[in-house]
N, C-alpha and C. Protein backbone atom coordinates (compact mmCIF):
# COMPACT_ATOMS: atom_id res chain seq x y z
N MET A 1 155.18 113.80 96.07
CA MET A 1 156.51 113.91 95.48
C MET A 1 157.09 112.50 95.36
N SER A 2 157.62 112.20 94.23
CA SER A 2 158.18 110.90 93.94
C SER A 2 159.59 110.74 94.53
N LEU A 3 159.93 109.51 94.91
CA LEU A 3 161.30 109.24 95.39
C LEU A 3 162.31 109.43 94.27
N ARG A 4 161.91 109.03 93.08
CA ARG A 4 162.83 109.07 91.94
C ARG A 4 162.62 110.34 91.11
N SER A 5 163.68 110.76 90.47
CA SER A 5 163.61 111.92 89.57
C SER A 5 162.88 111.52 88.30
N ASN A 6 162.29 112.51 87.64
CA ASN A 6 161.67 112.26 86.34
C ASN A 6 162.21 113.29 85.36
N ASP A 7 161.66 113.37 84.18
CA ASP A 7 162.20 114.28 83.18
C ASP A 7 161.92 115.75 83.51
N ARG A 8 161.05 116.03 84.51
CA ARG A 8 160.73 117.41 84.87
C ARG A 8 161.43 117.91 86.13
N GLN A 9 161.61 117.02 87.13
CA GLN A 9 162.21 117.49 88.38
C GLN A 9 162.92 116.37 89.12
N TRP A 10 163.73 116.81 90.09
CA TRP A 10 164.47 115.86 90.91
C TRP A 10 163.53 115.20 91.90
N GLY A 11 163.78 113.91 92.18
CA GLY A 11 162.98 113.18 93.15
C GLY A 11 163.40 113.53 94.58
N SER A 12 162.63 113.04 95.54
CA SER A 12 162.88 113.40 96.93
C SER A 12 164.19 112.84 97.46
N VAL A 13 164.66 111.71 96.96
CA VAL A 13 165.95 111.17 97.42
C VAL A 13 167.09 112.05 96.94
N ALA A 14 167.07 112.47 95.68
CA ALA A 14 168.11 113.36 95.15
C ALA A 14 168.09 114.70 95.90
N LYS A 15 166.90 115.20 96.19
CA LYS A 15 166.78 116.46 96.94
C LYS A 15 167.34 116.29 98.35
N PHE A 16 167.02 115.17 98.99
CA PHE A 16 167.54 114.91 100.33
C PHE A 16 169.07 114.94 100.33
N PHE A 17 169.69 114.21 99.39
CA PHE A 17 171.15 114.20 99.32
C PHE A 17 171.70 115.60 99.05
N HIS A 18 171.12 116.30 98.11
CA HIS A 18 171.60 117.63 97.73
C HIS A 18 171.58 118.56 98.94
N TRP A 19 170.44 118.69 99.59
CA TRP A 19 170.30 119.65 100.68
C TRP A 19 171.02 119.22 101.94
N THR A 20 171.05 117.94 102.23
CA THR A 20 171.77 117.46 103.42
C THR A 20 173.26 117.71 103.27
N VAL A 21 173.82 117.35 102.12
CA VAL A 21 175.25 117.58 101.88
C VAL A 21 175.54 119.08 101.88
N ALA A 22 174.69 119.87 101.25
CA ALA A 22 174.91 121.32 101.21
C ALA A 22 174.93 121.91 102.62
N LEU A 23 173.95 121.55 103.44
CA LEU A 23 173.89 122.09 104.80
C LEU A 23 175.06 121.62 105.65
N LEU A 24 175.46 120.36 105.49
CA LEU A 24 176.61 119.86 106.24
C LEU A 24 177.89 120.57 105.83
N ILE A 25 178.07 120.81 104.54
CA ILE A 25 179.27 121.51 104.06
C ILE A 25 179.31 122.94 104.59
N ILE A 26 178.21 123.65 104.46
CA ILE A 26 178.16 125.04 104.92
C ILE A 26 178.36 125.10 106.44
N GLY A 27 177.64 124.26 107.17
CA GLY A 27 177.77 124.25 108.62
C GLY A 27 179.16 123.86 109.08
N ASN A 28 179.73 122.85 108.44
CA ASN A 28 181.06 122.39 108.83
C ASN A 28 182.13 123.42 108.45
N GLY A 29 181.91 124.12 107.36
CA GLY A 29 182.85 125.18 106.98
C GLY A 29 182.85 126.31 108.00
N ILE A 30 181.66 126.73 108.41
CA ILE A 30 181.56 127.77 109.43
C ILE A 30 182.16 127.26 110.74
N PHE A 31 181.85 126.03 111.08
CA PHE A 31 182.39 125.41 112.30
C PHE A 31 183.92 125.40 112.25
N GLY A 32 184.48 125.03 111.10
CA GLY A 32 185.93 125.00 110.95
C GLY A 32 186.55 126.37 111.13
N LEU A 33 185.87 127.40 110.64
CA LEU A 33 186.38 128.77 110.79
C LEU A 33 186.30 129.26 112.24
N CYS A 34 185.44 128.65 113.03
CA CYS A 34 185.24 129.08 114.42
C CYS A 34 186.06 128.28 115.43
N MET A 35 186.92 127.40 114.98
CA MET A 35 187.69 126.55 115.89
C MET A 35 188.48 127.34 116.93
N ASP A 36 188.97 128.51 116.56
CA ASP A 36 189.77 129.30 117.50
C ASP A 36 188.94 129.90 118.63
N LEU A 37 187.61 129.80 118.54
CA LEU A 37 186.75 130.32 119.60
C LEU A 37 186.57 129.31 120.75
N ALA A 38 187.15 128.14 120.60
CA ALA A 38 187.02 127.11 121.64
C ALA A 38 187.61 127.62 122.95
N HIS A 39 186.96 127.24 124.04
CA HIS A 39 187.42 127.62 125.39
C HIS A 39 188.28 126.49 125.94
N GLY A 40 189.56 126.58 125.68
CA GLY A 40 190.50 125.60 126.21
C GLY A 40 190.82 124.50 125.22
N PRO A 41 191.93 123.81 125.47
CA PRO A 41 192.40 122.79 124.53
C PRO A 41 191.48 121.58 124.41
N MET A 42 190.81 121.16 125.49
CA MET A 42 189.93 119.99 125.38
C MET A 42 188.71 120.29 124.51
N GLN A 43 188.15 121.48 124.65
CA GLN A 43 187.02 121.84 123.80
C GLN A 43 187.45 121.89 122.34
N LYS A 44 188.63 122.43 122.08
CA LYS A 44 189.13 122.50 120.71
C LYS A 44 189.33 121.09 120.14
N ILE A 45 189.86 120.18 120.94
CA ILE A 45 190.04 118.79 120.49
C ILE A 45 188.69 118.17 120.17
N ASN A 46 187.71 118.39 121.03
CA ASN A 46 186.37 117.84 120.78
C ASN A 46 185.74 118.45 119.54
N TRP A 47 185.90 119.76 119.37
CA TRP A 47 185.36 120.41 118.18
C TRP A 47 186.04 119.90 116.91
N LEU A 48 187.36 119.72 116.96
CA LEU A 48 188.07 119.19 115.80
C LEU A 48 187.59 117.78 115.46
N ALA A 49 187.38 116.96 116.49
CA ALA A 49 186.89 115.60 116.27
C ALA A 49 185.51 115.63 115.60
N LEU A 50 184.65 116.53 116.05
CA LEU A 50 183.33 116.66 115.45
C LEU A 50 183.44 117.17 114.01
N HIS A 51 184.30 118.16 113.78
CA HIS A 51 184.52 118.69 112.43
C HIS A 51 184.97 117.58 111.48
N LYS A 52 185.89 116.76 111.94
CA LYS A 52 186.38 115.65 111.09
C LYS A 52 185.28 114.64 110.82
N SER A 53 184.49 114.31 111.83
CA SER A 53 183.41 113.34 111.65
C SER A 53 182.35 113.85 110.68
N ILE A 54 182.04 115.13 110.76
CA ILE A 54 181.07 115.71 109.82
C ILE A 54 181.63 115.67 108.41
N GLY A 55 182.92 115.97 108.25
CA GLY A 55 183.56 115.89 106.94
C GLY A 55 183.50 114.47 106.36
N LEU A 56 183.73 113.47 107.21
CA LEU A 56 183.64 112.09 106.76
C LEU A 56 182.20 111.72 106.40
N THR A 57 181.24 112.29 107.13
CA THR A 57 179.82 112.06 106.81
C THR A 57 179.49 112.63 105.44
N VAL A 58 180.01 113.81 105.15
CA VAL A 58 179.80 114.41 103.82
C VAL A 58 180.35 113.48 102.74
N LEU A 59 181.54 112.95 102.97
CA LEU A 59 182.16 112.04 102.00
C LEU A 59 181.30 110.80 101.79
N ALA A 60 180.80 110.22 102.88
CA ALA A 60 179.96 109.02 102.77
C ALA A 60 178.63 109.32 102.08
N LEU A 61 177.98 110.42 102.46
CA LEU A 61 176.71 110.78 101.83
C LEU A 61 176.89 111.09 100.35
N PHE A 62 178.02 111.71 100.02
CA PHE A 62 178.27 112.02 98.62
C PHE A 62 178.47 110.73 97.81
N ALA A 63 179.15 109.75 98.39
CA ALA A 63 179.31 108.46 97.71
C ALA A 63 177.94 107.81 97.48
N LEU A 64 177.07 107.86 98.49
CA LEU A 64 175.72 107.32 98.34
C LEU A 64 174.94 108.10 97.29
N ARG A 65 175.13 109.42 97.28
CA ARG A 65 174.46 110.25 96.29
C ARG A 65 174.87 109.86 94.87
N LEU A 66 176.16 109.64 94.67
CA LEU A 66 176.63 109.24 93.34
C LEU A 66 176.05 107.89 92.94
N LEU A 67 176.01 106.95 93.87
CA LEU A 67 175.42 105.64 93.57
C LEU A 67 173.95 105.79 93.19
N TRP A 68 173.23 106.61 93.95
CA TRP A 68 171.82 106.84 93.64
C TRP A 68 171.69 107.49 92.26
N ARG A 69 172.53 108.45 91.99
CA ARG A 69 172.48 109.19 90.73
C ARG A 69 172.70 108.29 89.52
N LEU A 70 173.57 107.28 89.70
CA LEU A 70 173.83 106.34 88.60
C LEU A 70 172.62 105.47 88.30
N SER A 71 171.71 105.34 89.26
CA SER A 71 170.58 104.44 89.10
C SER A 71 169.32 105.13 88.59
N GLU A 72 169.38 106.41 88.35
CA GLU A 72 168.17 107.09 87.92
C GLU A 72 168.44 108.14 86.84
N ARG A 73 167.38 108.63 86.26
CA ARG A 73 167.50 109.63 85.21
C ARG A 73 167.66 111.01 85.81
N ARG A 74 168.02 111.93 84.99
CA ARG A 74 168.16 113.32 85.44
C ARG A 74 167.13 114.15 84.68
N PRO A 75 166.59 115.15 85.32
CA PRO A 75 165.60 115.99 84.62
C PRO A 75 166.19 116.68 83.40
N ARG A 76 165.33 116.92 82.46
CA ARG A 76 165.70 117.67 81.26
C ARG A 76 166.15 119.06 81.66
N GLU A 77 167.17 119.56 81.03
CA GLU A 77 167.64 120.92 81.32
C GLU A 77 166.75 121.92 80.60
N ASP A 78 166.53 123.06 81.27
CA ASP A 78 165.82 124.14 80.59
C ASP A 78 166.73 124.68 79.49
N PRO A 79 166.16 125.13 78.38
CA PRO A 79 166.99 125.69 77.30
C PRO A 79 167.82 126.87 77.81
N ALA A 80 169.06 126.91 77.38
CA ALA A 80 169.98 127.99 77.76
C ALA A 80 171.06 128.11 76.70
N PRO A 81 171.70 129.29 76.63
CA PRO A 81 172.81 129.44 75.69
C PRO A 81 173.91 128.41 75.96
N ARG A 82 174.59 127.99 74.92
CA ARG A 82 175.63 126.94 75.02
C ARG A 82 176.71 127.30 76.06
N LEU A 83 177.17 128.53 76.06
CA LEU A 83 178.21 128.94 77.01
C LEU A 83 177.72 128.82 78.46
N GLN A 84 176.47 129.16 78.67
CA GLN A 84 175.89 129.03 80.01
C GLN A 84 175.80 127.57 80.43
N GLN A 85 175.45 126.69 79.51
CA GLN A 85 175.39 125.25 79.81
C GLN A 85 176.79 124.72 80.16
N ILE A 86 177.79 125.15 79.41
CA ILE A 86 179.16 124.72 79.69
C ILE A 86 179.60 125.21 81.07
N ALA A 87 179.28 126.47 81.39
CA ALA A 87 179.63 127.01 82.71
C ALA A 87 178.95 126.23 83.82
N ALA A 88 177.66 125.92 83.65
CA ALA A 88 176.93 125.18 84.68
C ALA A 88 177.52 123.78 84.87
N HIS A 89 177.83 123.10 83.77
CA HIS A 89 178.41 121.75 83.87
C HIS A 89 179.81 121.79 84.51
N THR A 90 180.57 122.82 84.18
CA THR A 90 181.91 122.97 84.76
C THR A 90 181.83 123.21 86.27
N VAL A 91 180.94 124.11 86.68
CA VAL A 91 180.78 124.38 88.11
C VAL A 91 180.32 123.11 88.84
N HIS A 92 179.37 122.39 88.27
CA HIS A 92 178.91 121.14 88.91
C HIS A 92 180.04 120.12 89.02
N ALA A 93 180.81 119.96 87.97
CA ALA A 93 181.91 119.00 88.00
C ALA A 93 182.94 119.39 89.06
N LEU A 94 183.27 120.67 89.12
CA LEU A 94 184.23 121.14 90.13
C LEU A 94 183.67 121.02 91.54
N LEU A 95 182.37 121.28 91.71
CA LEU A 95 181.75 121.08 93.02
C LEU A 95 181.87 119.63 93.45
N TYR A 96 181.55 118.72 92.55
CA TYR A 96 181.64 117.29 92.87
C TYR A 96 183.08 116.93 93.25
N LEU A 97 184.03 117.42 92.48
CA LEU A 97 185.43 117.14 92.76
C LEU A 97 185.83 117.66 94.14
N LEU A 98 185.43 118.87 94.46
CA LEU A 98 185.80 119.47 95.74
C LEU A 98 185.05 118.85 96.92
N ILE A 99 183.83 118.39 96.70
CA ILE A 99 183.09 117.72 97.78
C ILE A 99 183.82 116.44 98.19
N VAL A 100 184.55 115.84 97.27
CA VAL A 100 185.38 114.67 97.60
C VAL A 100 186.76 115.11 98.10
N ALA A 101 187.37 116.07 97.41
CA ALA A 101 188.74 116.47 97.73
C ALA A 101 188.87 117.13 99.10
N LEU A 102 187.88 117.90 99.50
CA LEU A 102 187.99 118.63 100.77
C LEU A 102 188.05 117.68 101.97
N PRO A 103 187.13 116.72 102.12
CA PRO A 103 187.26 115.80 103.24
C PRO A 103 188.51 114.91 103.14
N LEU A 104 188.86 114.52 101.91
CA LEU A 104 190.07 113.70 101.76
C LEU A 104 191.32 114.50 102.13
N SER A 105 191.33 115.79 101.80
CA SER A 105 192.49 116.61 102.18
C SER A 105 192.56 116.78 103.69
N GLY A 106 191.40 116.87 104.35
CA GLY A 106 191.38 116.93 105.80
C GLY A 106 191.87 115.64 106.43
N TRP A 107 191.47 114.52 105.85
CA TRP A 107 191.92 113.20 106.32
C TRP A 107 193.43 113.08 106.13
N TRP A 108 193.91 113.55 104.98
CA TRP A 108 195.35 113.52 104.69
C TRP A 108 196.09 114.42 105.67
N PHE A 109 195.58 115.62 105.92
CA PHE A 109 196.18 116.55 106.87
C PHE A 109 196.25 115.91 108.26
N ASN A 110 195.17 115.26 108.67
CA ASN A 110 195.13 114.57 109.96
C ASN A 110 196.19 113.48 110.01
N SER A 111 196.34 112.75 108.91
CA SER A 111 197.33 111.67 108.83
C SER A 111 198.75 112.21 108.90
N ILE A 112 199.03 113.26 108.14
CA ILE A 112 200.35 113.90 108.13
C ILE A 112 200.72 114.39 109.54
N ALA A 113 199.69 114.89 110.25
CA ALA A 113 199.92 115.39 111.61
C ALA A 113 200.10 114.26 112.63
N GLY A 114 199.86 113.01 112.19
CA GLY A 114 200.05 111.86 113.08
C GLY A 114 198.96 111.71 114.13
N LYS A 115 197.77 112.23 113.84
CA LYS A 115 196.67 112.17 114.81
C LYS A 115 195.73 111.03 114.46
N PRO A 116 195.11 110.43 115.47
CA PRO A 116 194.11 109.38 115.18
C PRO A 116 192.84 110.02 114.60
N LEU A 117 192.16 109.28 113.77
CA LEU A 117 190.92 109.78 113.17
C LEU A 117 189.79 108.83 113.55
N GLN A 118 188.87 109.34 114.34
CA GLN A 118 187.72 108.56 114.76
C GLN A 118 186.47 109.13 114.12
N PHE A 119 185.56 108.24 113.81
CA PHE A 119 184.27 108.64 113.25
C PHE A 119 183.26 108.67 114.39
N PHE A 120 182.91 109.88 114.86
CA PHE A 120 182.00 110.09 115.97
C PHE A 120 182.31 109.19 117.18
N LYS A 121 183.60 109.03 117.45
CA LYS A 121 184.09 108.24 118.59
C LYS A 121 183.63 106.78 118.57
N GLN A 122 183.30 106.29 117.36
CA GLN A 122 182.81 104.91 117.22
C GLN A 122 183.90 103.95 116.76
N PHE A 123 184.71 104.37 115.80
CA PHE A 123 185.78 103.53 115.29
C PHE A 123 186.84 104.41 114.65
N ASN A 124 188.06 103.87 114.59
CA ASN A 124 189.19 104.59 113.99
C ASN A 124 189.27 104.29 112.50
N LEU A 125 189.70 105.27 111.76
CA LEU A 125 189.96 105.11 110.33
C LEU A 125 191.46 105.08 110.11
N PRO A 126 191.91 104.38 109.08
CA PRO A 126 193.35 104.30 108.83
C PRO A 126 193.90 105.63 108.32
N ALA A 127 195.18 105.82 108.54
CA ALA A 127 195.85 107.01 108.04
C ALA A 127 195.99 106.91 106.52
N LEU A 128 195.92 108.05 105.85
CA LEU A 128 196.12 108.08 104.40
C LEU A 128 197.58 108.26 104.02
N ALA A 129 198.40 108.66 105.01
CA ALA A 129 199.83 108.89 104.75
C ALA A 129 200.59 108.72 106.07
N GLN A 130 201.88 108.57 105.95
CA GLN A 130 202.74 108.51 107.13
C GLN A 130 202.78 109.89 107.80
N ALA A 131 202.94 109.88 109.12
CA ALA A 131 203.11 111.15 109.83
C ALA A 131 204.38 111.84 109.33
N ASN A 132 204.25 113.15 109.10
CA ASN A 132 205.37 113.92 108.59
C ASN A 132 205.22 115.36 109.08
N PRO A 133 205.77 115.66 110.26
CA PRO A 133 205.58 117.00 110.84
C PRO A 133 206.04 118.13 109.92
N ASP A 134 206.99 117.86 109.04
CA ASP A 134 207.48 118.91 108.14
C ASP A 134 206.44 119.32 107.10
N MET A 135 205.45 118.48 106.87
CA MET A 135 204.45 118.77 105.83
C MET A 135 203.11 119.22 106.40
N THR A 136 202.97 119.33 107.72
CA THR A 136 201.66 119.68 108.27
C THR A 136 201.19 121.05 107.82
N GLY A 137 202.09 122.02 107.75
CA GLY A 137 201.70 123.36 107.28
C GLY A 137 201.19 123.32 105.86
N PHE A 138 201.87 122.59 104.99
CA PHE A 138 201.44 122.46 103.61
C PHE A 138 200.09 121.76 103.53
N ALA A 139 199.91 120.68 104.28
CA ALA A 139 198.65 119.93 104.26
C ALA A 139 197.49 120.80 104.75
N GLN A 140 197.75 121.59 105.78
CA GLN A 140 196.72 122.49 106.29
C GLN A 140 196.37 123.55 105.24
N ASP A 141 197.38 124.09 104.58
CA ASP A 141 197.13 125.07 103.52
C ASP A 141 196.30 124.49 102.39
N VAL A 142 196.61 123.26 101.98
CA VAL A 142 195.84 122.61 100.91
C VAL A 142 194.38 122.52 101.33
N HIS A 143 194.13 122.06 102.55
CA HIS A 143 192.76 121.90 103.05
C HIS A 143 192.04 123.26 103.06
N GLU A 144 192.70 124.29 103.53
CA GLU A 144 192.08 125.61 103.60
C GLU A 144 191.85 126.21 102.21
N TYR A 145 192.81 126.07 101.30
CA TYR A 145 192.63 126.62 99.95
C TYR A 145 191.50 125.89 99.21
N LEU A 146 191.40 124.58 99.40
CA LEU A 146 190.29 123.85 98.79
C LEU A 146 188.96 124.36 99.34
N PHE A 147 188.92 124.64 100.64
CA PHE A 147 187.70 125.18 101.24
C PHE A 147 187.31 126.50 100.59
N TRP A 148 188.26 127.42 100.45
CA TRP A 148 187.93 128.73 99.87
C TRP A 148 187.56 128.63 98.40
N PHE A 149 188.15 127.67 97.69
CA PHE A 149 187.76 127.44 96.29
C PHE A 149 186.33 126.91 96.25
N LEU A 150 185.99 126.02 97.20
CA LEU A 150 184.63 125.50 97.28
C LEU A 150 183.64 126.63 97.58
N VAL A 151 184.00 127.55 98.45
CA VAL A 151 183.15 128.70 98.75
C VAL A 151 182.87 129.50 97.47
N LEU A 152 183.91 129.75 96.67
CA LEU A 152 183.72 130.48 95.41
C LEU A 152 182.77 129.74 94.47
N LEU A 153 182.94 128.43 94.39
CA LEU A 153 182.06 127.64 93.53
C LEU A 153 180.63 127.63 94.05
N LEU A 154 180.46 127.58 95.36
CA LEU A 154 179.11 127.63 95.93
C LEU A 154 178.44 128.96 95.62
N VAL A 155 179.20 130.04 95.68
CA VAL A 155 178.66 131.36 95.33
C VAL A 155 178.21 131.35 93.86
N ALA A 156 179.03 130.79 92.98
CA ALA A 156 178.66 130.70 91.56
C ALA A 156 177.42 129.82 91.37
N HIS A 157 177.36 128.70 92.08
CA HIS A 157 176.24 127.76 91.98
C HIS A 157 174.94 128.43 92.46
N VAL A 158 174.98 129.04 93.63
CA VAL A 158 173.79 129.71 94.17
C VAL A 158 173.42 130.90 93.29
N GLY A 159 174.43 131.64 92.84
CA GLY A 159 174.18 132.77 91.96
C GLY A 159 173.49 132.34 90.66
N GLY A 160 173.96 131.24 90.10
CA GLY A 160 173.34 130.72 88.88
C GLY A 160 171.89 130.29 89.12
N ALA A 161 171.65 129.62 90.24
CA ALA A 161 170.29 129.18 90.57
C ALA A 161 169.36 130.38 90.75
N LEU A 162 169.86 131.41 91.44
CA LEU A 162 169.04 132.62 91.64
C LEU A 162 168.80 133.37 90.33
N LYS A 163 169.82 133.40 89.46
CA LYS A 163 169.65 134.03 88.15
C LYS A 163 168.54 133.33 87.37
N HIS A 164 168.57 131.98 87.39
CA HIS A 164 167.52 131.22 86.70
C HIS A 164 166.14 131.53 87.29
N HIS A 165 166.08 131.63 88.61
CA HIS A 165 164.80 131.82 89.28
C HIS A 165 164.25 133.24 89.12
N LEU A 166 165.12 134.22 89.33
CA LEU A 166 164.66 135.61 89.35
C LEU A 166 164.66 136.29 87.99
N LYS A 167 165.66 136.01 87.17
CA LYS A 167 165.76 136.69 85.86
C LYS A 167 165.12 135.87 84.75
N ASP A 168 165.54 134.59 84.64
CA ASP A 168 165.03 133.75 83.57
C ASP A 168 163.61 133.24 83.87
N ARG A 169 163.26 133.19 85.15
CA ARG A 169 161.95 132.71 85.62
C ARG A 169 161.64 131.31 85.09
N ASP A 170 162.66 130.44 85.14
CA ASP A 170 162.45 129.06 84.74
C ASP A 170 162.40 128.16 85.98
N ASN A 171 162.37 126.85 85.77
CA ASN A 171 162.19 125.89 86.87
C ASN A 171 163.50 125.32 87.41
N THR A 172 164.64 125.84 87.00
CA THR A 172 165.92 125.27 87.42
C THR A 172 166.02 125.16 88.93
N LEU A 173 165.74 126.21 89.66
CA LEU A 173 165.81 126.18 91.12
C LEU A 173 164.63 125.41 91.71
N LEU A 174 163.43 125.66 91.21
CA LEU A 174 162.23 125.04 91.77
C LEU A 174 162.27 123.52 91.73
N ARG A 175 162.88 122.96 90.71
CA ARG A 175 162.87 121.50 90.62
C ARG A 175 163.81 120.83 91.62
N MET A 176 164.66 121.62 92.31
CA MET A 176 165.50 121.07 93.37
C MET A 176 164.99 121.44 94.76
N LEU A 177 164.10 122.42 94.85
CA LEU A 177 163.57 122.80 96.15
C LEU A 177 162.54 121.77 96.62
N PRO A 178 162.60 121.40 97.90
CA PRO A 178 161.59 120.46 98.40
C PRO A 178 160.24 121.16 98.53
N PHE A 179 159.18 120.43 98.28
CA PHE A 179 157.81 120.88 98.51
C PHE A 179 157.42 122.10 97.69
N ARG A 180 158.03 122.27 96.53
CA ARG A 180 157.67 123.38 95.67
C ARG A 180 157.12 122.85 94.35
N ARG A 181 156.09 123.52 93.88
CA ARG A 181 155.49 123.16 92.60
C ARG A 181 156.25 123.90 91.50
N LEU A 182 156.41 123.26 90.37
CA LEU A 182 157.08 123.89 89.23
C LEU A 182 156.19 124.96 88.62
N ARG A 183 156.81 125.94 88.01
CA ARG A 183 156.04 126.96 87.29
C ARG A 183 155.33 126.29 86.13
N GLY A 184 154.09 126.66 85.95
CA GLY A 184 153.32 126.07 84.85
C GLY A 184 152.53 124.86 85.29
N ASP A 185 152.80 124.30 86.49
CA ASP A 185 152.01 123.18 87.01
C ASP A 185 150.76 123.74 87.67
N THR A 186 149.66 123.03 87.52
CA THR A 186 148.43 123.43 88.19
C THR A 186 148.09 122.38 89.23
N PRO A 187 147.47 122.78 90.33
CA PRO A 187 147.04 121.81 91.33
C PRO A 187 146.04 120.83 90.72
N GLN A 188 145.97 119.62 91.27
CA GLN A 188 145.11 118.56 90.74
C GLN A 188 143.67 119.03 90.58
N GLY A 189 143.14 119.80 91.53
CA GLY A 189 141.74 120.23 91.49
C GLY A 189 141.48 121.28 90.42
N ASP A 190 142.50 121.94 89.89
CA ASP A 190 142.30 123.02 88.91
C ASP A 190 142.31 122.54 87.47
N ARG A 191 142.47 121.27 87.24
CA ARG A 191 142.59 120.79 85.85
C ARG A 191 141.26 120.58 85.20
């Protein structure tokens, strides 16, 4: 498998970024929903700190992913109806927007609440806004609504990938899966 993408499939670096960011988002979302299960205030503080650090990691990895993406080509799209292509591009654009907006909204919420923000207890990050206790409820709502919108988009994204794989039987999903051969490819010894 090549590090770089080609006209047929995504390279291993693009796949690494895609799946690592996806797993971190899903895991951190579930983790965020489970915060109330913490046993005592110290555990909740530690869990929140970890949740924030994972969110910042997603933001950093996504920035690296975009930089990598600018330096390489993208695989050719499988033929599809125009409306389907527009829907896929719209979902991808909104996913990218929310992958940035969700951690930034959490950072903003943390800033509004007047709490320090540490990255895995290594260093502090600056506040994005002045502390404002009157706005913490609003900031929390923004963060949560963005999360649920991201969940809807992920369902659409996964649903589209599965539709391509199971109904259309094309390579859309296979070209992003690690260690999978594309349909129509033959092993080297069979040629």
